[in-house]
Protein backbone atom coordinates (compact mmCIF):
# COMPACT_ATOMS: atom_id res chain seq x y z
CA UNK A 1 99.65 98.28 111.46
CA UNK A 2 103.06 97.52 110.52
CA UNK A 3 104.28 95.02 112.73
CA UNK A 4 101.97 92.11 113.30
CA UNK A 5 103.85 89.83 115.14
CA UNK A 6 102.42 90.62 118.24
CA UNK A 7 98.50 90.36 117.85
CA UNK A 8 97.27 87.23 119.50
CA UNK A 9 96.47 84.39 117.01
CA UNK A 10 93.43 82.84 118.82
CA UNK A 11 90.52 84.07 121.35
CA UNK A 12 87.44 83.62 121.62
CA UNK A 13 84.48 86.40 122.11
CA UNK A 14 80.93 88.14 122.36
CA UNK A 15 80.18 89.67 119.47
CA UNK A 16 77.16 92.59 119.14
CA UNK A 17 76.43 94.66 115.78
CA UNK A 18 73.98 97.20 114.94
CA UNK A 19 73.53 99.22 111.79
CA UNK A 20 73.45 102.77 112.77
CA UNK A 21 73.36 105.95 111.18
CA UNK A 22 75.87 107.83 111.13
CA UNK A 23 75.22 110.98 113.01
CA UNK A 24 73.93 108.75 115.81
CA UNK A 25 77.54 106.77 115.83
CA UNK A 26 79.08 110.06 115.95
CA UNK A 27 77.34 110.51 119.23
CA UNK A 28 77.95 107.05 120.43
CA UNK A 29 81.06 107.77 120.17
CA UNK A 30 81.40 110.03 121.75
CA UNK A 31 80.01 109.13 125.07
CA UNK A 32 82.33 106.02 124.98
CA UNK A 33 85.51 108.17 125.46
CA UNK A 34 84.61 108.68 129.04
CA UNK A 35 85.48 105.12 129.56
CA UNK A 36 87.77 103.54 126.14
CA UNK A 37 90.76 104.69 124.36
CA UNK A 38 91.44 104.58 120.97
CA UNK A 39 93.55 101.27 119.87
CA UNK A 40 96.82 101.45 119.36
CA UNK A 41 97.17 99.15 116.42
CA UNK A 42 96.21 101.87 114.29
CA UNK A 43 96.55 105.87 114.25
CA UNK A 44 96.36 108.71 116.65
CA UNK A 45 92.42 108.39 116.54
CA UNK A 46 92.74 104.31 116.55
CA UNK A 47 91.23 104.71 112.99
CA UNK A 48 92.42 101.38 110.18
CA UNK A 49 91.60 100.20 106.77
CA UNK A 50 91.54 96.31 105.99
CA UNK A 51 90.55 94.04 103.42
CA UNK A 52 89.09 90.74 103.42
CA UNK A 53 89.50 88.17 100.96
CA UNK A 54 86.91 85.43 101.80
CA UNK A 55 86.76 82.28 100.64
CA UNK A 56 83.79 79.79 99.99
CA UNK A 57 82.77 76.10 98.27
CA UNK A 58 80.97 75.67 95.30
CA UNK A 59 77.68 75.64 96.76
CA UNK A 60 78.78 79.10 99.09
CA UNK A 61 78.67 76.15 101.77
CA UNK A 62 79.54 79.33 104.88
CA UNK A 63 77.27 81.72 103.41
CA UNK A 64 73.97 79.28 103.66
CA UNK A 65 75.07 78.03 107.00
CA UNK A 66 75.14 81.70 108.96
CA UNK A 67 71.60 82.35 106.69
CA UNK A 68 70.29 79.03 108.11
CA UNK A 69 71.44 80.12 111.34
CA UNK A 70 73.57 76.77 112.19
CA UNK A 71 75.07 76.33 115.57
CA UNK A 72 78.01 75.48 114.16
CA UNK A 73 79.40 77.41 111.35
CA UNK A 74 83.21 78.27 109.90
CA UNK A 75 84.52 80.61 107.34
CA UNK A 76 88.06 81.31 106.17
CA UNK A 77 89.43 84.17 104.75
CA UNK A 78 92.90 86.28 104.43
CA UNK A 79 92.76 89.35 106.20
CA UNK A 80 95.18 92.47 105.06
CA UNK A 81 95.81 95.28 107.45
CA UNK A 82 96.87 98.40 105.47
CA UNK A 83 99.70 100.73 106.25
CA UNK A 84 101.35 103.17 104.76
CA UNK A 85 104.04 100.41 103.48
CA UNK A 86 103.81 99.58 100.02
CA UNK A 87 101.71 96.05 99.57
CA UNK A 88 103.73 93.81 98.02
CA UNK A 89 104.35 89.50 97.71
CA UNK A 90 106.11 89.54 100.81
CA UNK A 91 103.61 92.15 103.10
CA UNK A 92 102.08 90.13 106.53
CA UNK A 93 98.78 88.72 106.72
CA UNK A 94 96.77 86.59 107.94
CA UNK A 95 94.71 83.24 106.98
CA UNK A 96 92.07 82.83 109.80
CA UNK A 97 89.40 80.86 110.60
CA UNK A 98 86.12 82.28 111.95
CA UNK A 99 84.26 80.41 113.86
CA UNK A 100 80.83 80.40 115.47
CA UNK A 101 80.18 78.34 118.46
CA UNK A 102 76.39 79.07 119.59
CA UNK A 103 77.08 82.70 120.98
CA UNK A 104 80.35 82.18 121.01
CA UNK A 105 82.65 84.15 118.52
CA UNK A 106 86.21 81.99 117.83
CA UNK A 107 89.08 82.76 116.08
CA UNK A 108 92.28 81.12 114.95
CA UNK A 109 94.96 82.97 112.56
CA UNK A 110 97.96 82.05 110.83
CA UNK A 111 100.04 85.23 110.06
CA UNK A 112 102.14 84.56 106.85
CA UNK A 113 103.62 86.57 103.66
CA UNK A 114 100.88 86.80 100.90
CA UNK A 115 102.87 85.39 98.41
CA UNK A 116 102.35 82.06 100.66
CA UNK A 117 99.00 83.12 101.66
CA UNK A 118 98.21 82.59 98.41
CA UNK A 119 100.23 79.06 97.71
CA UNK A 120 98.57 78.24 100.76
CA UNK A 121 94.66 79.08 99.90
CA UNK A 122 95.26 79.15 95.93
CA UNK A 123 97.60 75.73 95.20
CA UNK A 124 97.00 73.92 98.66
CA UNK A 125 101.01 74.15 98.57
CA UNK A 126 102.01 74.75 102.76
CA UNK A 127 104.57 77.30 102.69
CA UNK A 128 107.43 77.55 105.71
CA UNK A 129 105.11 78.96 108.80
CA UNK A 130 106.07 79.73 112.99
CA UNK A 131 105.38 76.97 114.86
CA UNK A 132 102.83 78.13 117.41
CA UNK A 133 101.12 78.23 114.27
CA UNK A 134 101.49 74.38 112.87
CA UNK A 135 97.88 73.21 114.31
CA UNK A 136 96.00 76.06 112.05
CA UNK A 137 97.79 75.65 108.79
CA UNK A 138 96.89 71.90 109.67
CA UNK A 139 93.03 72.82 109.46
CA UNK A 140 92.95 75.47 106.21
CA UNK A 141 94.39 72.72 104.55
CA UNK A 142 92.09 70.12 105.70
CA UNK A 143 89.22 73.01 104.74
CA UNK A 144 90.51 73.68 101.41
CA UNK A 145 90.27 70.40 100.47
CA UNK A 146 87.55 69.07 102.23
CA UNK A 147 85.17 72.16 101.04
CA UNK A 148 87.23 72.62 97.78
CA UNK A 149 87.29 76.54 99.28
CA UNK A 150 87.83 79.34 96.11
CA UNK A 151 87.89 82.96 96.28
CA UNK A 152 84.08 83.86 96.54
CA UNK A 153 84.46 87.98 97.52
CA UNK A 154 86.63 90.99 98.92
CA UNK A 155 85.23 93.32 101.91
CA UNK A 156 86.92 96.56 103.03
CA UNK A 157 86.33 99.11 105.08
CA UNK A 158 88.29 101.52 107.26
CA UNK A 159 87.97 101.14 111.13
CA UNK A 160 88.14 102.92 114.80
CA UNK A 161 88.59 101.14 117.53
CA UNK A 162 88.70 101.70 121.17
CA UNK A 163 89.11 99.82 123.77
CA UNK A 164 89.02 99.08 127.67
CA UNK A 165 91.38 99.95 130.01
CA UNK A 166 92.08 97.75 133.20
CA UNK A 167 88.54 98.41 134.08
CA UNK A 168 87.28 96.47 131.64
CA UNK A 169 90.25 94.88 129.88
CA UNK A 170 89.27 92.22 126.26
CA UNK A 171 86.56 94.91 125.58
CA UNK A 172 86.65 96.62 122.15
CA UNK A 173 84.16 98.54 120.19
CA UNK A 174 84.61 99.33 116.76
CA UNK A 175 82.98 101.44 113.90
CA UNK A 176 83.65 100.16 110.20
CA UNK A 177 82.47 102.79 108.20
CA UNK A 178 83.53 103.44 103.66
CA UNK A 179 82.46 99.40 103.53
CA UNK A 180 82.19 98.23 100.22
CA UNK A 181 82.39 94.82 98.61
CA UNK A 182 83.47 93.58 95.19
CA UNK A 183 82.89 89.43 93.14
CA UNK A 184 85.53 89.73 90.62
CA UNK A 185 89.30 90.48 90.06
CA UNK A 186 89.63 88.89 93.68
CA UNK A 187 93.15 89.86 94.46
CA UNK A 188 93.90 91.66 97.34
CA UNK A 189 96.70 93.14 95.95
CA UNK A 190 94.61 95.11 92.47
CA UNK A 191 92.98 98.15 92.68
CA UNK A 192 90.19 98.08 94.74
CA UNK A 193 87.09 98.46 92.58
CA UNK A 194 84.04 97.92 94.50
CA UNK A 195 80.45 98.33 95.48
CA UNK A 196 79.01 99.85 98.16
CA UNK A 197 78.06 97.51 100.99
CA UNK A 198 75.05 99.17 102.68
CA UNK A 199 73.19 102.26 101.79
CA UNK A 200 75.71 105.69 101.95
CA UNK A 201 75.24 106.84 105.65
CA UNK A 202 75.31 104.20 107.41
CA UNK A 203 77.93 102.99 110.42
CA UNK A 204 77.80 99.17 111.76
CA UNK A 205 79.33 99.49 115.29
CA UNK A 206 80.78 95.82 117.38
CA UNK A 207 80.91 95.49 120.77
CA UNK A 208 83.11 92.97 121.46
CA UNK A 209 83.75 91.32 125.35
CA UNK A 210 85.17 88.44 126.21
CA UNK A 211 82.67 87.75 129.14
CA UNK A 212 80.17 89.87 129.33
CA UNK A 213 79.18 93.52 128.65
CA UNK A 214 79.70 96.06 131.53
CA UNK A 215 76.65 97.23 132.68
CA UNK A 216 77.81 101.30 132.04
CA UNK A 217 77.61 100.04 128.49
CA UNK A 218 74.09 98.58 128.02
CA UNK A 219 73.74 101.73 129.77
CA UNK A 220 74.64 103.49 126.38
CA UNK A 221 73.14 101.24 124.38
CA UNK A 222 69.93 101.84 125.36
CA UNK A 223 70.35 105.09 125.72
CA UNK A 224 71.66 106.13 121.92
CA UNK A 225 68.39 103.34 121.38
CA UNK A 226 71.12 101.25 119.59
CA UNK A 227 69.56 98.10 117.79
CA UNK A 228 70.76 95.00 117.77
CA UNK A 229 70.67 93.82 114.29
CA UNK A 230 72.06 90.24 112.23
CA UNK A 231 74.22 91.36 109.98
CA UNK A 232 77.65 89.53 108.19
CA UNK A 233 79.38 91.15 106.36
CA UNK A 234 80.61 88.67 103.95
CA UNK A 235 76.85 87.04 103.87
CA UNK A 236 76.01 90.49 102.46
CA UNK A 237 78.56 90.76 100.25
CA UNK A 238 76.69 87.50 98.28
CA UNK A 239 73.22 88.85 98.80
CA UNK A 240 74.45 91.60 96.86
CA UNK A 241 76.09 89.82 94.50
CA UNK A 242 73.32 87.47 93.19
CA UNK A 243 71.90 91.05 91.91
CA UNK A 244 74.36 91.30 89.81
CA UNK A 245 74.26 91.12 85.67
CA UNK A 246 76.37 87.25 85.45
CA UNK A 247 78.81 89.02 83.88
CA UNK A 248 79.93 90.29 86.76
CA UNK A 249 79.12 87.89 89.40
CA UNK A 250 81.76 84.94 88.57
CA UNK A 251 81.36 82.91 91.63
CA UNK A 252 79.06 79.52 90.43
CA UNK A 253 77.04 77.83 92.30
CA UNK A 254 76.07 73.97 91.96
């Protein structure tokens, strides 16, 4: 994912998540190949790696809103799509607001060099940015000041993504593996030192659609006996972090 400039910066969609054993996920993936194609943002198989640095308030406001099932909630993160190029302060990253309104997931994001993303989120200094990013930069700045946001956790994983053809425009199914989290040394440019986010042998499957899931896909979900779960990678990282010894869990809620 070396060229990110053309990626959509704003969209609304429905998301469904499933926590599935790797063997069952592989069987489901094989059934999908008759309908979907690999995402060309990844390699030939639609695979790529990514890392997300999540921000939260001193009282873990974003975490608690998810746990409490608040109908309208937001969270902020810096997301890096890994590539073969060395990761430097000039590497492009997204600063994203992910928002939930009832059952709809909304995302707004700005594309910035990594050093500018840190200046914005850590120092509250607004960098130069593209005109089309002005509104989301303003919203991010307001969130940072209003909630006194600070780095809370990093989640990393590898993803294999499949997308719909002209018959299923907007459909996207992803398979996330090798999920890890860390709650100290919260720098995306540092060497990863994460812990497993889920027990070995599990895959997170996400189905993402603009309007409704195609009938053929609901049939496949039923045939493969996939069970819907309410899982947030960020919230899972915080749940696990709170069981760590104090020196390893450096985020101190008020």
